Structure formats: structure tokens, C-alpha cells
Amino acid sequence: MLEHKGSCHCGAIQFQFQGPAIDRGMRCNCSICARKGALMSVFTVAPSDLTIVAADGALSTYEFGSGTAKHHFCSQCGIYPFHQTVVKPGHYRINLGCLEGVDTFALPFDVFDGATLM
């Protein structure tokens, strides 16, 4: 396991977790993921394994549909660093573009059919 560190664009939200090497990503075709276009982690991170440090009022959450998925974003710069998943409620998928040292344009990716879950 490796130590991964990341942040939103302005740095108001910073986070870290232990996880595997990142050699591929995942895109989702649900209505919100298709619009934000982020490349997400193929693995999930348990809440106990994710350390989040956020400035007061910076961490905002958007929910829709069943409300199970919680899409977190920075209220200052608008960047989405992670979300809690529908498939494994309470666990997080990470926006790989927010991680230090990850070139999301060089990674192969799978597509998750989230559109049929909503």
C-alpha cells in the first residue's frame, strides 16, 4: 500500500489515504459523473482510512436520487475530490485528478454503468 495525498484546486480541502498503486481509473456514465467527467479510483477507500482536512465551510455535499451517493466538492473552487459510492455506501472513490503525481491522461480506464442504477 502507498500513501496518497491530494487536494482540491485551491487547497481548502486536503486529504490522504493508504491505497494500491494507481495504474488505471474508472469513469461512470450516471448523470452527474458524465457531466463532471472525472477519472475516479477503481478501488474504494474506507472512511476510517481517509483523512480529510478542510477549511471551515469548504467541504460541501451534493445528493440526488436515492441520496446514497454523496458527491463532495469544495465550496470555494468547485472541485470534486471524492464521493461516497452507491455500490459500497459510506466508502469513497477518489477523483484521481486531485492526487499528487497522477497523470490521469496517461491512465487506461473502465466505464461503470451507473446510469442503470439511478
PDB file of N, CA and C in Angstrom:
ATOM      1  N   MET A   1       0.837  -1.186   0.000  1.00  0.00           N
ATOM      2  CA  MET A   1       0.000   0.000   0.000  1.00  0.00           C
ATOM      3  C   MET A   1       0.885   1.254   0.000  1.00  0.00           C
ATOM      4  N   LEU A   2       0.395   2.259  -0.691  1.00  0.00           N
ATOM      5  CA  LEU A   2       1.123   3.521  -0.806  1.00  0.00           C
ATOM      6  C   LEU A   2       0.348   4.642  -0.116  1.00  0.00           C
ATOM      7  N   GLU A   3       1.061   5.658   0.286  1.00  0.00           N
ATOM      8  CA  GLU A   3       0.438   6.851   0.856  1.00  0.00           C
ATOM      9  C   GLU A   3       0.097   7.789  -0.297  1.00  0.00           C
ATOM     10  N   HIS A   4      -1.181   8.116  -0.449  1.00  0.00           N
ATOM     11  CA  HIS A   4      -1.628   9.036  -1.491  1.00  0.00           C
ATOM     12  C   HIS A   4      -2.096  10.324  -0.838  1.00  0.00           C
ATOM     13  N   LYS A   5      -1.726  11.459  -1.441  1.00  0.00           N
ATOM     14  CA  LYS A   5      -2.136  12.768  -0.938  1.00  0.00           C
ATOM     15  C   LYS A   5      -2.789  13.542  -2.063  1.00  0.00           C
ATOM     16  N   GLY A   6      -3.801  14.337  -1.705  1.00  0.00           N
ATOM     17  CA  GLY A   6      -4.475  15.132  -2.715  1.00  0.00           C
ATOM     18  C   GLY A   6      -5.147  16.346  -2.122  1.00  0.00           C
ATOM     19  N   SER A   7      -5.726  17.131  -3.023  1.00  0.00           N
ATOM     20  CA  SER A   7      -6.425  18.346  -2.591  1.00  0.00           C
ATOM     21  C   SER A   7      -7.345  18.818  -3.707  1.00  0.00           C
ATOM     22  N   CYS A   8      -8.216  19.745  -3.347  1.00  0.00           N
ATOM     23  CA  CYS A   8      -8.999  20.446  -4.362  1.00  0.00           C
ATOM     24  C   CYS A   8      -8.052  21.442  -5.041  1.00  0.00           C
ATOM     25  N   HIS A   9      -8.530  22.259  -5.942  1.00  0.00           N
ATOM     26  CA  HIS A   9      -7.670  23.190  -6.674  1.00  0.00           C
ATOM     27  C   HIS A   9      -7.091  24.279  -5.781  1.00  0.00           C
ATOM     28  N   CYS A  10      -7.909  24.842  -4.906  1.00  0.00           N
ATOM     29  CA  CYS A  10      -7.450  25.959  -4.071  1.00  0.00           C
ATOM     30  C   CYS A  10      -6.750  25.513  -2.793  1.00  0.00           C
ATOM     31  N   GLY A  11      -6.832  24.224  -2.458  1.00  0.00           N
ATOM     32  CA  GLY A  11      -6.176  23.709  -1.261  1.00  0.00           C
ATOM     33  C   GLY A  11      -7.004  23.791   0.012  1.00  0.00           C
ATOM     34  N   ALA A  12      -8.238  24.270  -0.087  1.00  0.00           N
ATOM     35  CA  ALA A  12      -9.084  24.363   1.106  1.00  0.00           C
ATOM     36  C   ALA A  12      -9.475  22.983   1.622  1.00  0.00           C
ATOM     37  N   ILE A  13      -9.457  21.974   0.727  1.00  0.00           N
ATOM     38  CA  ILE A  13      -9.703  20.589   1.118  1.00  0.00           C
ATOM     39  C   ILE A  13      -8.450  19.788   0.779  1.00  0.00           C
ATOM     40  N   GLN A  14      -7.895  19.144   1.781  1.00  0.00           N
ATOM     41  CA  GLN A  14      -6.741  18.277   1.582  1.00  0.00           C
ATOM     42  C   GLN A  14      -7.079  16.921   2.174  1.00  0.00           C
ATOM     43  N   PHE A  15      -6.510  15.873   1.584  1.00  0.00           N
ATOM     44  CA  PHE A  15      -6.827  14.531   2.073  1.00  0.00           C
ATOM     45  C   PHE A  15      -5.669  13.589   1.800  1.00  0.00           C
ATOM     46  N   GLN A  16      -5.691  12.470   2.516  1.00  0.00           N
ATOM     47  CA  GLN A  16      -4.683  11.425   2.305  1.00  0.00           C
ATOM     48  C   GLN A  16      -5.265  10.081   2.704  1.00  0.00           C
ATOM     49  N   PHE A  17      -4.699   9.037   2.110  1.00  0.00           N
ATOM     50  CA  PHE A  17      -5.142   7.675   2.392  1.00  0.00           C
ATOM     51  C   PHE A  17      -4.081   6.692   1.949  1.00  0.00           C
ATOM     52  N   GLN A  18      -4.160   5.492   2.476  1.00  0.00           N
ATOM     53  CA  GLN A  18      -3.311   4.385   2.051  1.00  0.00           C
ATOM     54  C   GLN A  18      -4.072   3.624   0.972  1.00  0.00           C
ATOM     55  N   GLY A  19      -3.411   3.315  -0.127  1.00  0.00           N
ATOM     56  CA  GLY A  19      -4.084   2.587  -1.192  1.00  0.00           C
ATOM     57  C   GLY A  19      -3.089   1.936  -2.129  1.00  0.00           C
ATOM     58  N   PRO A  20      -3.592   1.149  -3.059  1.00  0.00           N
ATOM     59  CA  PRO A  20      -2.720   0.489  -4.023  1.00  0.00           C
ATOM     60  C   PRO A  20      -2.127   1.490  -5.013  1.00  0.00           C
ATOM     61  N   ALA A  21      -1.131   1.037  -5.753  1.00  0.00           N
ATOM     62  CA  ALA A  21      -0.582   1.851  -6.837  1.00  0.00           C
ATOM     63  C   ALA A  21      -1.709   2.144  -7.828  1.00  0.00           C
ATOM     64  N   ILE A  22      -1.690   3.312  -8.401  1.00  0.00           N
ATOM     65  CA  ILE A  22      -2.747   3.707  -9.332  1.00  0.00           C
ATOM     66  C   ILE A  22      -2.254   3.472 -10.755  1.00  0.00           C
ATOM     67  N   ASP A  23      -2.835   2.458 -11.405  1.00  0.00           N
ATOM     68  CA  ASP A  23      -2.425   2.121 -12.763  1.00  0.00           C
ATOM     69  C   ASP A  23      -3.578   2.136 -13.749  1.00  0.00           C
ATOM     70  N   ARG A  24      -4.782   2.473 -13.264  1.00  0.00           N
ATOM     71  CA  ARG A  24      -5.951   2.632 -14.134  1.00  0.00           C
ATOM     72  C   ARG A  24      -7.021   3.403 -13.378  1.00  0.00           C
ATOM     73  N   GLY A  25      -8.012   3.868 -14.094  1.00  0.00           N
ATOM     74  CA  GLY A  25      -9.086   4.631 -13.482  1.00  0.00           C
ATOM     75  C   GLY A  25     -10.441   4.099 -13.911  1.00  0.00           C
ATOM     76  N   MET A  26     -11.464   4.820 -13.509  1.00  0.00           N
ATOM     77  CA  MET A  26     -12.828   4.429 -13.835  1.00  0.00           C
ATOM     78  C   MET A  26     -13.651   5.691 -14.102  1.00  0.00           C
ATOM     79  N   ARG A  27     -14.472   5.615 -15.117  1.00  0.00           N
ATOM     80  CA  ARG A  27     -15.440   6.676 -15.395  1.00  0.00           C
ATOM     81  C   ARG A  27     -16.832   6.078 -15.202  1.00  0.00           C
ATOM     82  N   CYS A  28     -17.779   6.906 -14.855  1.00  0.00           N
ATOM     83  CA  CYS A  28     -19.152   6.470 -14.640  1.00  0.00           C
ATOM     84  C   CYS A  28     -20.045   7.246 -15.604  1.00  0.00           C
ATOM     85  N   ASN A  29     -21.089   6.589 -16.103  1.00  0.00           N
ATOM     86  CA  ASN A  29     -21.978   7.246 -17.061  1.00  0.00           C
ATOM     87  C   ASN A  29     -23.281   7.748 -16.444  1.00  0.00           C
ATOM     88  N   CYS A  30     -23.360   7.815 -15.101  1.00  0.00           N
ATOM     89  CA  CYS A  30     -24.573   8.376 -14.494  1.00  0.00           C
ATOM     90  C   CYS A  30     -24.648   9.871 -14.817  1.00  0.00           C
ATOM     91  N   SER A  31     -25.779  10.483 -14.561  1.00  0.00           N
ATOM     92  CA  SER A  31     -25.998  11.869 -14.984  1.00  0.00           C
ATOM     93  C   SER A  31     -25.005  12.859 -14.380  1.00  0.00           C
ATOM     94  N   ILE A  32     -24.609  12.702 -13.135  1.00  0.00           N
ATOM     95  CA  ILE A  32     -23.668  13.666 -12.547  1.00  0.00           C
ATOM     96  C   ILE A  32     -22.227  13.371 -12.975  1.00  0.00           C
ATOM     97  N   CYS A  33     -21.844  12.107 -12.981  1.00  0.00           N
ATOM     98  CA  CYS A  33     -20.458  11.766 -13.351  1.00  0.00           C
ATOM     99  C   CYS A  33     -20.170  12.094 -14.811  1.00  0.00           C
ATOM    100  N   ALA A  34     -21.142  11.875 -15.681  1.00  0.00           N
ATOM    101  CA  ALA A  34     -20.956  12.214 -17.090  1.00  0.00           C
ATOM    102  C   ALA A  34     -20.709  13.715 -17.249  1.00  0.00           C
ATOM    103  N   ARG A  35     -21.355  14.510 -16.415  1.00  0.00           N
ATOM    104  CA  ARG A  35     -21.182  15.956 -16.507  1.00  0.00           C
ATOM    105  C   ARG A  35     -19.863  16.431 -15.905  1.00  0.00           C
ATOM    106  N   LYS A  36     -19.423  15.807 -14.806  1.00  0.00           N
ATOM    107  CA  LYS A  36     -18.165  16.279 -14.216  1.00  0.00           C
ATOM    108  C   LYS A  36     -16.946  15.681 -14.897  1.00  0.00           C
ATOM    109  N   GLY A  37     -17.089  14.525 -15.536  1.00  0.00           N
ATOM    110  CA  GLY A  37     -16.017  13.974 -16.364  1.00  0.00           C
ATOM    111  C   GLY A  37     -14.758  13.548 -15.626  1.00  0.00           C
ATOM    112  N   ALA A  38     -14.836  13.328 -14.349  1.00  0.00           N
ATOM    113  CA  ALA A  38     -13.651  12.971 -13.566  1.00  0.00           C
ATOM    114  C   ALA A  38     -13.256  11.512 -13.768  1.00  0.00           C
ATOM    115  N   LEU A  39     -11.980  11.249 -13.632  1.00  0.00           N
ATOM    116  CA  LEU A  39     -11.467   9.883 -13.624  1.00  0.00           C
ATOM    117  C   LEU A  39     -11.335   9.485 -12.155  1.00  0.00           C
ATOM    118  N   MET A  40     -12.063   8.443 -11.768  1.00  0.00           N
ATOM    119  CA  MET A  40     -12.129   8.039 -10.368  1.00  0.00           C
ATOM    120  C   MET A  40     -11.280   6.801 -10.106  1.00  0.00           C
ATOM    121  N   SER A  41     -11.026   6.547  -8.844  1.00  0.00           N
ATOM    122  CA  SER A  41     -10.300   5.345  -8.437  1.00  0.00           C
ATOM    123  C   SER A  41     -11.156   4.116  -8.703  1.00  0.00           C
ATOM    124  N   VAL A  42     -10.510   3.029  -9.098  1.00  0.00           N
ATOM    125  CA  VAL A  42     -11.233   1.769  -9.288  1.00  0.00           C
ATOM    126  C   VAL A  42     -11.498   1.115  -7.941  1.00  0.00           C
ATOM    127  N   PHE A  43     -10.706   1.454  -6.957  1.00  0.00           N
ATOM    128  CA  PHE A  43     -10.858   0.921  -5.602  1.00  0.00           C
ATOM    129  C   PHE A  43     -11.636   1.909  -4.746  1.00  0.00           C
ATOM    130  N   THR A  44     -12.212   1.416  -3.664  1.00  0.00           N
ATOM    131  CA  THR A  44     -12.868   2.296  -2.700  1.00  0.00           C
ATOM    132  C   THR A  44     -11.974   2.430  -1.467  1.00  0.00           C
ATOM    133  N   VAL A  45     -12.187   3.499  -0.747  1.00  0.00           N
ATOM    134  CA  VAL A  45     -11.430   3.780   0.474  1.00  0.00           C
ATOM    135  C   VAL A  45     -12.416   3.818   1.630  1.00  0.00           C
ATOM    136  N   ALA A  46     -12.137   3.047   2.663  1.00  0.00           N
ATOM    137  CA  ALA A  46     -12.989   3.027   3.852  1.00  0.00           C
ATOM    138  C   ALA A  46     -12.902   4.378   4.563  1.00  0.00           C
ATOM    139  N   PRO A  47     -13.993   4.813   5.190  1.00  0.00           N
ATOM    140  CA  PRO A  47     -13.967   6.098   5.897  1.00  0.00           C
ATOM    141  C   PRO A  47     -12.855   6.181   6.937  1.00  0.00           C
ATOM    142  N   SER A  48     -12.569   5.075   7.591  1.00  0.00           N
ATOM    143  CA  SER A  48     -11.520   5.067   8.611  1.00  0.00           C
ATOM    144  C   SER A  48     -10.116   5.206   8.024  1.00  0.00           C
ATOM    145  N   ASP A  49      -9.997   4.997   6.705  1.00  0.00           N
ATOM    146  CA  ASP A  49      -8.692   5.072   6.040  1.00  0.00           C
ATOM    147  C   ASP A  49      -8.467   6.387   5.304  1.00  0.00           C
ATOM    148  N   LEU A  50      -9.438   7.272   5.329  1.00  0.00           N
ATOM    149  CA  LEU A  50      -9.333   8.554   4.631  1.00  0.00           C
ATOM    150  C   LEU A  50      -9.274   9.680   5.645  1.00  0.00           C
ATOM    151  N   THR A  51      -8.211  10.461   5.590  1.00  0.00           N
ATOM    152  CA  THR A  51      -8.065  11.627   6.451  1.00  0.00           C
ATOM    153  C   THR A  51      -8.374  12.864   5.618  1.00  0.00           C
ATOM    154  N   ILE A  52      -9.364  13.638   6.062  1.00  0.00           N
ATOM    155  CA  ILE A  52      -9.780  14.840   5.351  1.00  0.00           C
ATOM    156  C   ILE A  52      -9.551  16.044   6.257  1.00  0.00           C
ATOM    157  N   VAL A  53      -8.875  17.046   5.731  1.00  0.00           N
ATOM    158  CA  VAL A  53      -8.686  18.303   6.437  1.00  0.00           C
ATOM    159  C   VAL A  53      -9.274  19.386   5.544  1.00  0.00           C
ATOM    160  N   ALA A  54     -10.293  20.080   6.050  1.00  0.00           N
ATOM    161  CA  ALA A  54     -10.970  21.090   5.246  1.00  0.00           C
ATOM    162  C   ALA A  54     -11.130  22.388   6.035  1.00  0.00           C
ATOM    163  N   ALA A  55     -10.934  23.494   5.344  1.00  0.00           N
ATOM    164  CA  ALA A  55     -11.180  24.803   5.950  1.00  0.00           C
ATOM    165  C   ALA A  55     -12.664  24.900   6.300  1.00  0.00           C
ATOM    166  N   ASP A  56     -12.983  25.727   7.278  1.00  0.00           N
ATOM    167  CA  ASP A  56     -14.381  25.901   7.690  1.00  0.00           C
ATOM    168  C   ASP A  56     -15.264  26.240   6.496  1.00  0.00           C
ATOM    169  N   GLY A  57     -16.318  25.460   6.317  1.00  0.00           N
ATOM    170  CA  GLY A  57     -17.285  25.712   5.261  1.00  0.00           C
ATOM    171  C   GLY A  57     -16.855  25.309   3.865  1.00  0.00           C
ATOM    172  N   ALA A  58     -15.660  24.748   3.703  1.00  0.00           N
ATOM    173  CA  ALA A  58     -15.164  24.411   2.359  1.00  0.00           C
ATOM    174  C   ALA A  58     -15.766  23.122   1.804  1.00  0.00           C
ATOM    175  N   LEU A  59     -15.998  22.142   2.655  1.00  0.00           N
ATOM    176  CA  LEU A  59     -16.481  20.847   2.182  1.00  0.00           C
ATOM    177  C   LEU A  59     -18.007  20.861   2.072  1.00  0.00           C
ATOM    178  N   SER A  60     -18.482  20.818   0.836  1.00  0.00           N
ATOM    179  CA  SER A  60     -19.921  20.800   0.573  1.00  0.00           C
ATOM    180  C   SER A  60     -20.292  19.456  -0.031  1.00  0.00           C
ATOM    181  N   THR A  61     -21.570  19.108   0.052  1.00  0.00           N
ATOM    182  CA  THR A  61     -22.039  17.813  -0.432  1.00  0.00           C
ATOM    183  C   THR A  61     -23.289  17.986  -1.270  1.00  0.00           C
ATOM    184  N   TYR A  62     -23.324  17.238  -2.374  1.00  0.00           N
ATOM    185  CA  TYR A  62     -24.500  17.218  -3.244  1.00  0.00           C
ATOM    186  C   TYR A  62     -25.031  15.795  -3.298  1.00  0.00           C
ATOM    187  N   GLU A  63     -26.341  15.656  -3.096  1.00  0.00           N
ATOM    188  CA  GLU A  63     -27.003  14.354  -3.178  1.00  0.00           C
ATOM    189  C   GLU A  63     -28.180  14.467  -4.128  1.00  0.00           C
ATOM    190  N   PHE A  64     -28.484  13.383  -4.814  1.00  0.00           N
ATOM    191  CA  PHE A  64     -29.674  13.346  -5.659  1.00  0.00           C
ATOM    192  C   PHE A  64     -30.182  11.917  -5.702  1.00  0.00           C
ATOM    193  N   GLY A  65     -31.296  11.704  -6.331  1.00  0.00           N
ATOM    194  CA  GLY A  65     -31.854  10.354  -6.439  1.00  0.00           C
ATOM    195  C   GLY A  65     -32.110   9.768  -5.067  1.00  0.00           C
ATOM    196  N   SER A  66     -31.529   8.605  -4.807  1.00  0.00           N
ATOM    197  CA  SER A  66     -31.735   7.917  -3.535  1.00  0.00           C
ATOM    198  C   SER A  66     -31.027   8.603  -2.372  1.00  0.00           C
ATOM    199  N   GLY A  67     -30.071   9.478  -2.666  1.00  0.00           N
ATOM    200  CA  GLY A  67     -29.307  10.148  -1.615  1.00  0.00           C
ATOM    201  C   GLY A  67     -28.207   9.287  -1.026  1.00  0.00           C
ATOM    202  N   THR A  68     -28.028   8.069  -1.544  1.00  0.00           N
ATOM    203  CA  THR A  68     -26.985   7.180  -1.028  1.00  0.00           C
ATOM    204  C   THR A  68     -25.602   7.695  -1.401  1.00  0.00           C
ATOM    205  N   ALA A  69     -25.420   8.062  -2.655  1.00  0.00           N
ATOM    206  CA  ALA A  69     -24.138   8.625  -3.088  1.00  0.00           C
ATOM    207  C   ALA A  69     -24.052  10.062  -2.595  1.00  0.00           C
ATOM    208  N   LYS A  70     -22.907  10.415  -2.073  1.00  0.00           N
ATOM    209  CA  LYS A  70     -22.688  11.766  -1.577  1.00  0.00           C
ATOM    210  C   LYS A  70     -21.483  12.329  -2.327  1.00  0.00           C
ATOM    211  N   HIS A  71     -21.751  13.305  -3.180  1.00  0.00           N
ATOM    212  CA  HIS A  71     -20.721  13.903  -4.024  1.00  0.00           C
ATOM    213  C   HIS A  71     -20.179  15.134  -3.313  1.00  0.00           C
ATOM    214  N   HIS A  72     -18.941  15.048  -2.860  1.00  0.00           N
ATOM    215  CA  HIS A  72     -18.330  16.127  -2.087  1.00  0.00           C
ATOM    216  C   HIS A  72     -17.546  17.045  -3.016  1.00  0.00           C
ATOM    217  N   PHE A  73     -17.632  18.335  -2.739  1.00  0.00           N
ATOM    218  CA  PHE A  73     -16.916  19.313  -3.552  1.00  0.00           C
ATOM    219  C   PHE A  73     -16.514  20.501  -2.699  1.00  0.00           C
ATOM    220  N   CYS A  74     -15.588  21.287  -3.215  1.00  0.00           N
ATOM    221  CA  CYS A  74     -15.109  22.467  -2.500  1.00  0.00           C
ATOM    222  C   CYS A  74     -16.019  23.644  -2.806  1.00  0.00           C
ATOM    223  N   SER A  75     -16.534  24.281  -1.769  1.00  0.00           N
ATOM    224  CA  SER A  75     -17.427  25.427  -1.950  1.00  0.00           C
ATOM    225  C   SER A  75     -16.663  26.666  -2.410  1.00  0.00           C
ATOM    226  N   GLN A  76     -15.322  26.623  -2.366  1.00  0.00           N
ATOM    227  CA  GLN A  76     -14.537  27.780  -2.793  1.00  0.00           C
ATOM    228  C   GLN A  76     -14.098  27.684  -4.256  1.00  0.00           C
ATOM    229  N   CYS A  77     -13.573  26.527  -4.677  1.00  0.00           N
ATOM    230  CA  CYS A  77     -13.084  26.408  -6.060  1.00  0.00           C
ATOM    231  C   CYS A  77     -13.956  25.496  -6.919  1.00  0.00           C
ATOM    232  N   GLY A  78     -14.876  24.755  -6.308  1.00  0.00           N
ATOM    233  CA  GLY A  78     -15.814  23.926  -7.044  1.00  0.00           C
ATOM    234  C   GLY A  78     -15.338  22.536  -7.410  1.00  0.00           C
ATOM    235  N   ILE A  79     -14.103  22.210  -7.095  1.00  0.00           N
ATOM    236  CA  ILE A  79     -13.546  20.913  -7.484  1.00  0.00           C
ATOM    237  C   ILE A  79     -14.108  19.791  -6.624  1.00  0.00           C
ATOM    238  N   TYR A  80     -14.365  18.653  -7.293  1.00  0.00           N
ATOM    239  CA  TYR A  80     -14.863  17.435  -6.637  1.00  0.00           C
ATOM    240  C   TYR A  80     -13.666  16.511  -6.360  1.00  0.00           C
ATOM    241  N   PRO A  81     -13.262  16.345  -5.090  1.00  0.00           N
ATOM    242  CA  PRO A  81     -12.115  15.481  -4.786  1.00  0.00           C
ATOM    243  C   PRO A  81     -12.477  14.008  -4.533  1.00  0.00           C
ATOM    244  N   PHE A  82     -13.711  13.741  -4.096  1.00  0.00           N
ATOM    245  CA  PHE A  82     -14.114  12.362  -3.777  1.00  0.00           C
ATOM    246  C   PHE A  82     -15.623  12.303  -3.596  1.00  0.00           C
ATOM    247  N   HIS A  83     -16.145  11.076  -3.610  1.00  0.00           N
ATOM    248  CA  HIS A  83     -17.565  10.874  -3.329  1.00  0.00           C
ATOM    249  C   HIS A  83     -17.759   9.552  -2.602  1.00  0.00           C
ATOM    250  N   GLN A  84     -18.868   9.458  -1.885  1.00  0.00           N
ATOM    251  CA  GLN A  84     -19.257   8.208  -1.243  1.00  0.00           C
ATOM    252  C   GLN A  84     -20.152   7.463  -2.220  1.00  0.00           C
ATOM    253  N   THR A  85     -19.903   6.180  -2.413  1.00  0.00           N
ATOM    254  CA  THR A  85     -20.494   5.425  -3.510  1.00  0.00           C
ATOM    255  C   THR A  85     -21.864   4.833  -3.215  1.00  0.00           C
ATOM    256  N   VAL A  86     -22.585   4.566  -4.284  1.00  0.00           N
ATOM    257  CA  VAL A  86     -23.856   3.854  -4.214  1.00  0.00           C
ATOM    258  C   VAL A  86     -23.597   2.367  -3.994  1.00  0.00           C
ATOM    259  N   VAL A  87     -22.576   1.852  -4.671  1.00  0.00           N
ATOM    260  CA  VAL A  87     -22.281   0.419  -4.640  1.00  0.00           C
ATOM    261  C   VAL A  87     -21.799  -0.040  -3.260  1.00  0.00           C
ATOM    262  N   LYS A  88     -21.010   0.795  -2.595  1.00  0.00           N
ATOM    263  CA  LYS A  88     -20.494   0.469  -1.263  1.00  0.00           C
ATOM    264  C   LYS A  88     -20.719   1.695  -0.371  1.00  0.00           C
ATOM    265  N   PRO A  89     -21.950   1.896   0.105  1.00  0.00           N
ATOM    266  CA  PRO A  89     -22.301   3.105   0.852  1.00  0.00           C
ATOM    267  C   PRO A  89     -21.320   3.415   1.987  1.00  0.00           C
ATOM    268  N   GLY A  90     -20.991   4.699   2.082  1.00  0.00           N
ATOM    269  CA  GLY A  90     -20.070   5.160   3.111  1.00  0.00           C
ATOM    270  C   GLY A  90     -18.616   5.104   2.693  1.00  0.00           C
ATOM    271  N   HIS A  91     -18.273   4.282   1.726  1.00  0.00           N
ATOM    272  CA  HIS A  91     -16.901   4.195   1.232  1.00  0.00           C
ATOM    273  C   HIS A  91     -16.704   5.206   0.103  1.00  0.00           C
ATOM    274  N   TYR A  92     -15.462   5.603  -0.105  1.00  0.00           N
ATOM    275  CA  TYR A  92     -15.144   6.677  -1.031  1.00  0.00           C
ATOM    276  C   TYR A  92     -14.462   6.187  -2.300  1.00  0.00           C
ATOM    277  N   ARG A  93     -14.765   6.850  -3.402  1.00  0.00           N
ATOM    278  CA  ARG A  93     -13.961   6.784  -4.618  1.00  0.00           C
ATOM    279  C   ARG A  93     -13.305   8.154  -4.730  1.00  0.00           C
ATOM    280  N   ILE A  94     -12.085   8.154  -5.209  1.00  0.00           N
ATOM    281  CA  ILE A  94     -11.265   9.365  -5.245  1.00  0.00           C
ATOM    282  C   ILE A  94     -11.174   9.901  -6.665  1.00  0.00           C
ATOM    283  N   ASN A  95     -11.254  11.204  -6.830  1.00  0.00           N
ATOM    284  CA  ASN A  95     -11.007  11.847  -8.117  1.00  0.00           C
ATOM    285  C   ASN A  95      -9.486  11.823  -8.316  1.00  0.00           C
ATOM    286  N   LEU A  96      -9.018  10.975  -9.229  1.00  0.00           N
ATOM    287  CA  LEU A  96      -7.579  10.794  -9.423  1.00  0.00           C
ATOM    288  C   LEU A  96      -6.880  12.070  -9.880  1.00  0.00           C
ATOM    289  N   GLY A  97      -7.613  12.985 -10.496  1.00  0.00           N
ATOM    290  CA  GLY A  97      -7.037  14.262 -10.911  1.00  0.00           C
ATOM    291  C   GLY A  97      -6.646  15.148  -9.742  1.00  0.00           C
ATOM    292  N   CYS A  98      -7.129  14.833  -8.549  1.00  0.00           N
ATOM    293  CA  CYS A  98      -6.797  15.609  -7.352  1.00  0.00           C
ATOM    294  C   CYS A  98      -5.583  15.063  -6.611  1.00  0.00           C
ATOM    295  N   LEU A  99      -5.054  13.923  -7.057  1.00  0.00           N
ATOM    296  CA  LEU A  99      -3.920  13.304  -6.368  1.00  0.00           C
ATOM    297  C   LEU A  99      -2.592  13.829  -6.891  1.00  0.00           C
ATOM    298  N   GLU A 100      -1.645  14.004  -5.986  1.00  0.00           N
ATOM    299  CA  GLU A 100      -0.301  14.428  -6.354  1.00  0.00           C
ATOM    300  C   GLU A 100       0.378  13.344  -7.197  1.00  0.00           C
ATOM    301  N   GLY A 101       0.985  13.742  -8.286  1.00  0.00           N
ATOM    302  CA  GLY A 101       1.801  12.840  -9.085  1.00  0.00           C
ATOM    303  C   GLY A 101       1.064  11.857  -9.974  1.00  0.00           C
ATOM    304  N   VAL A 102      -0.248  12.030 -10.165  1.00  0.00           N
ATOM    305  CA  VAL A 102      -1.007  11.117 -11.019  1.00  0.00           C
ATOM    306  C   VAL A 102      -1.357  11.840 -12.321  1.00  0.00           C
ATOM    307  N   ASP A 103      -0.957  11.265 -13.450  1.00  0.00           N
ATOM    308  CA  ASP A 103      -1.287  11.814 -14.761  1.00  0.00           C
ATOM    309  C   ASP A 103      -2.514  11.078 -15.283  1.00  0.00           C
ATOM    310  N   THR A 104      -3.682  11.652 -15.091  1.00  0.00           N
ATOM    311  CA  THR A 104      -4.921  10.981 -15.476  1.00  0.00           C
ATOM    312  C   THR A 104      -5.054  10.800 -16.981  1.00  0.00           C
ATOM    313  N   PHE A 105      -4.340  11.586 -17.766  1.00  0.00           N
ATOM    314  CA  PHE A 105      -4.411  11.459 -19.219  1.00  0.00           C
ATOM    315  C   PHE A 105      -3.601  10.275 -19.739  1.00  0.00           C
ATOM    316  N   ALA A 106      -2.754   9.701 -18.890  1.00  0.00           N
ATOM    317  CA  ALA A 106      -1.935   8.554 -19.288  1.00  0.00           C
ATOM    318  C   ALA A 106      -2.514   7.228 -18.811  1.00  0.00           C
ATOM    319  N   LEU A 107      -3.615   7.270 -18.059  1.00  0.00           N
ATOM    320  CA  LEU A 107      -4.169   6.049 -17.479  1.00  0.00           C
ATOM    321  C   LEU A 107      -5.273   5.442 -18.345  1.00  0.00           C
ATOM    322  N   PRO A 108      -5.253   4.129 -18.512  1.00  0.00           N
ATOM    323  CA  PRO A 108      -6.413   3.472 -19.128  1.00  0.00           C
ATOM    324  C   PRO A 108      -7.558   3.504 -18.122  1.00  0.00           C
ATOM    325  N   PHE A 109      -8.788   3.326 -18.618  1.00  0.00           N
ATOM    326  CA  PHE A 109      -9.921   3.365 -17.687  1.00  0.00           C
ATOM    327  C   PHE A 109     -11.032   2.431 -18.136  1.00  0.00           C
ATOM    328  N   ASP A 110     -11.819   2.013 -17.150  1.00  0.00           N
ATOM    329  CA  ASP A 110     -13.020   1.223 -17.367  1.00  0.00           C
ATOM    330  C   ASP A 110     -14.214   2.161 -17.247  1.00  0.00           C
ATOM    331  N   VAL A 111     -15.359   1.722 -17.756  1.00  0.00           N
ATOM    332  CA  VAL A 111     -16.587   2.504 -17.615  1.00  0.00           C
ATOM    333  C   VAL A 111     -17.559   1.711 -16.755  1.00  0.00           C
ATOM    334  N   PHE A 112     -18.048   2.371 -15.707  1.00  0.00           N
ATOM    335  CA  PHE A 112     -19.038   1.781 -14.822  1.00  0.00           C
ATOM    336  C   PHE A 112     -20.406   2.266 -15.266  1.00  0.00           C
ATOM    337  N   ASP A 113     -21.357   1.356 -15.406  1.00  0.00           N
ATOM    338  CA  ASP A 113     -22.700   1.719 -15.866  1.00  0.00           C
ATOM    339  C   ASP A 113     -23.568   2.157 -14.690  1.00  0.00           C
ATOM    340  N   GLY A 114     -23.314   3.370 -14.204  1.00  0.00           N
ATOM    341  CA  GLY A 114     -24.096   3.926 -13.116  1.00  0.00           C
ATOM    342  C   GLY A 114     -25.460   4.425 -13.568  1.00  0.00           C
ATOM    343  N   ALA A 115     -25.621   4.644 -14.869  1.00  0.00           N
ATOM    344  CA  ALA A 115     -26.896   5.143 -15.381  1.00  0.00           C
ATOM    345  C   ALA A 115     -28.033   4.167 -15.114  1.00  0.00           C
ATOM    346  N   THR A 116     -27.733   2.872 -15.110  1.00  0.00           N
ATOM    347  CA  THR A 116     -28.793   1.890 -14.861  1.00  0.00           C
ATOM    348  C   THR A 116     -29.124   1.759 -13.381  1.00  0.00           C
ATOM    349  N   LEU A 117     -28.272   2.273 -12.502  1.00  0.00           N
ATOM    350  CA  LEU A 117     -28.532   2.230 -11.049  1.00  0.00           C
ATOM    351  C   LEU A 117     -29.441   3.363 -10.601  1.00  0.00           C
ATOM    352  N   MET A 118     -29.490   4.429 -11.341  1.00  0.00           N
ATOM    353  CA  MET A 118     -30.243   5.618 -10.912  1.00  0.00           C
ATOM    354  C   MET A 118     -31.675   5.559 -11.363  1.00  0.00           C
TER     355      MET A 118
END
